[in-house]
C-alpha atoms as a PDB file:
ATOM      1  CA  MET A   1     -68.982  81.748  47.131  1.00  0.00           C
ATOM      2  CA  PRO A   2     -67.037  78.553  47.658  1.00  0.00           C
ATOM      3  CA  ASN A   3     -66.347  76.819  44.341  1.00  0.00           C
ATOM      4  CA  GLU A   4     -67.527  79.856  42.299  1.00  0.00           C
ATOM      5  CA  THR A   5     -65.234  78.877  39.487  1.00  0.00           C
ATOM      6  CA  ASN A   6     -65.907  75.245  39.741  1.00  0.00           C
ATOM      7  CA  LEU A   7     -69.681  74.689  39.964  1.00  0.00           C
ATOM      8  CA  TYR A   8     -69.198  70.996  39.251  1.00  0.00           C
ATOM      9  CA  GLY A   9     -67.272  70.673  42.396  1.00  0.00           C
ATOM     10  CA  ILE A  10     -70.120  71.601  44.696  1.00  0.00           C
ATOM     11  CA  ASP A  11     -71.884  68.473  46.261  1.00  0.00           C
ATOM     12  CA  ILE A  12     -75.418  68.206  45.223  1.00  0.00           C
ATOM     13  CA  THR A  13     -76.268  64.804  46.885  1.00  0.00           C
ATOM     14  CA  ASP A  14     -78.731  66.313  49.101  1.00  0.00           C
ATOM     15  CA  ALA A  15     -79.960  69.045  46.598  1.00  0.00           C
ATOM     16  CA  SER A  16     -83.801  69.525  46.694  1.00  0.00           C
ATOM     17  CA  PHE A  17     -85.103  69.754  42.704  1.00  0.00           C
ATOM     18  CA  THR A  18     -88.316  71.183  42.018  1.00  0.00           C
ATOM     19  CA  LYS A  19     -90.205  70.814  38.752  1.00  0.00           C
ATOM     20  CA  ALA A  20     -91.503  73.473  36.379  1.00  0.00           C
ATOM     21  CA  CYS A  21     -93.776  72.345  33.531  1.00  0.00           C
ATOM     22  CA  GLY A  22     -95.099  74.148  30.754  1.00  0.00           C
ATOM     23  CA  GLY A  23     -98.397  71.997  30.728  1.00  0.00           C
ATOM     24  CA  PRO A  24     -99.150  68.468  31.891  1.00  0.00           C
ATOM     25  CA  CYS A  25     -95.916  66.894  32.886  1.00  0.00           C
ATOM     26  CA  THR A  26     -96.466  64.018  30.466  1.00  0.00           C
ATOM     27  CA  GLU A  27     -93.193  64.492  28.596  1.00  0.00           C
ATOM     28  CA  GLY A  28     -90.931  65.111  31.502  1.00  0.00           C
ATOM     29  CA  CYS A  29     -90.217  68.652  33.274  1.00  0.00           C
ATOM     30  CA  VAL A  30     -87.176  70.826  33.847  1.00  0.00           C
ATOM     31  CA  THR A  31     -85.983  70.496  37.475  1.00  0.00           C
ATOM     32  CA  LEU A  32     -84.010  73.273  39.512  1.00  0.00           C
ATOM     33  CA  ALA A  33     -82.149  73.308  42.697  1.00  0.00           C
ATOM     34  CA  ARG A  34     -80.342  75.995  44.349  1.00  0.00           C
ATOM     35  CA  ILE A  35     -77.057  74.588  45.105  1.00  0.00           C
ATOM     36  CA  GLY A  36     -75.121  77.714  46.511  1.00  0.00           C
ATOM     37  CA  ASP A  37     -75.508  81.346  47.024  1.00  0.00           C
ATOM     38  CA  ASN A  38     -74.942  82.156  43.315  1.00  0.00           C
ATOM     39  CA  ALA A  39     -75.205  78.313  41.815  1.00  0.00           C
ATOM     40  CA  TRP A  40     -78.171  76.354  40.419  1.00  0.00           C
ATOM     41  CA  ALA A  41     -78.491  72.922  38.989  1.00  0.00           C
ATOM     42  CA  LEU A  42     -80.760  72.262  36.136  1.00  0.00           C
ATOM     43  CA  GLY A  43     -81.947  68.651  35.499  1.00  0.00           C
ATOM     44  CA  ASP A  44     -84.443  66.738  33.289  1.00  0.00           C
ATOM     45  CA  SER A  45     -87.075  64.681  34.787  1.00  0.00           C
ATOM     46  CA  LYS A  46     -86.996  62.278  31.811  1.00  0.00           C
ATOM     47  CA  ARG A  47     -83.542  61.409  32.696  1.00  0.00           C
ATOM     48  CA  PRO A  48     -83.035  61.613  36.505  1.00  0.00           C
ATOM     49  CA  ASP A  49     -79.704  59.728  36.436  1.00  0.00           C
ATOM     50  CA  ALA A  50     -78.092  62.363  34.220  1.00  0.00           C
ATOM     51  CA  GLU A  51     -75.936  64.861  35.824  1.00  0.00           C
ATOM     52  CA  PRO A  52     -77.662  68.118  36.023  1.00  0.00           C
ATOM     53  CA  LEU A  53     -76.210  71.162  34.244  1.00  0.00           C
ATOM     54  CA  ARG A  54     -74.855  73.892  36.577  1.00  0.00           C
ATOM     55  CA  PHE A  55     -75.243  77.697  36.100  1.00  0.00           C
ATOM     56  CA  THR A  56     -74.683  80.862  38.163  1.00  0.00           C
ATOM     57  CA  THR A  57     -77.541  83.033  38.738  1.00  0.00           C
ATOM     58  CA  GLU A  58     -76.349  85.533  36.012  1.00  0.00           C
ATOM     59  CA  GLU A  59     -76.175  82.577  33.527  1.00  0.00           C
ATOM     60  CA  LEU A  60     -79.718  81.358  34.458  1.00  0.00           C
ATOM     61  CA  ASP A  61     -80.953  85.054  33.978  1.00  0.00           C
ATOM     62  CA  SER A  62     -79.368  85.184  30.560  1.00  0.00           C
ATOM     63  CA  ALA A  63     -80.738  81.894  29.490  1.00  0.00           C
ATOM     64  CA  GLY A  64     -84.228  83.298  30.463  1.00  0.00           C
ATOM     65  CA  ILE A  65     -84.812  80.831  33.429  1.00  0.00           C
ATOM     66  CA  ASP A  66     -86.652  82.373  36.208  1.00  0.00           C
ATOM     67  CA  PRO A  67     -86.156  80.581  39.548  1.00  0.00           C
ATOM     68  CA  ALA A  68     -89.511  81.940  40.589  1.00  0.00           C
ATOM     69  CA  ARG A  69     -91.228  79.900  38.082  1.00  0.00           C
ATOM     70  CA  PHE A  70     -90.089  76.712  40.325  1.00  0.00           C
ATOM     71  CA  GLY A  71     -91.202  78.504  43.367  1.00  0.00           C
ATOM     72  CA  LEU A  72     -87.510  79.351  44.172  1.00  0.00           C
ATOM     73  CA  SER A  73     -86.250  82.892  44.996  1.00  0.00           C
ATOM     74  CA  VAL A  74     -82.882  84.306  43.951  1.00  0.00           C
END
């Protein structure tokens, strides 16, 4: 994967983020976008201007974050 060692080097300008909420989205939701074959960007809908955090698929798995919860496949 290009930029595998530098996830923050991947351009996410056109990334398509989806939300996953534990209930009604009144406080804000976590957002997730696939940004590469083994790369993901995790954001916060309450802070849309904040830089999303970047993770590999393995890191998401270790953190217990399942892309399927967002309607995304690995």
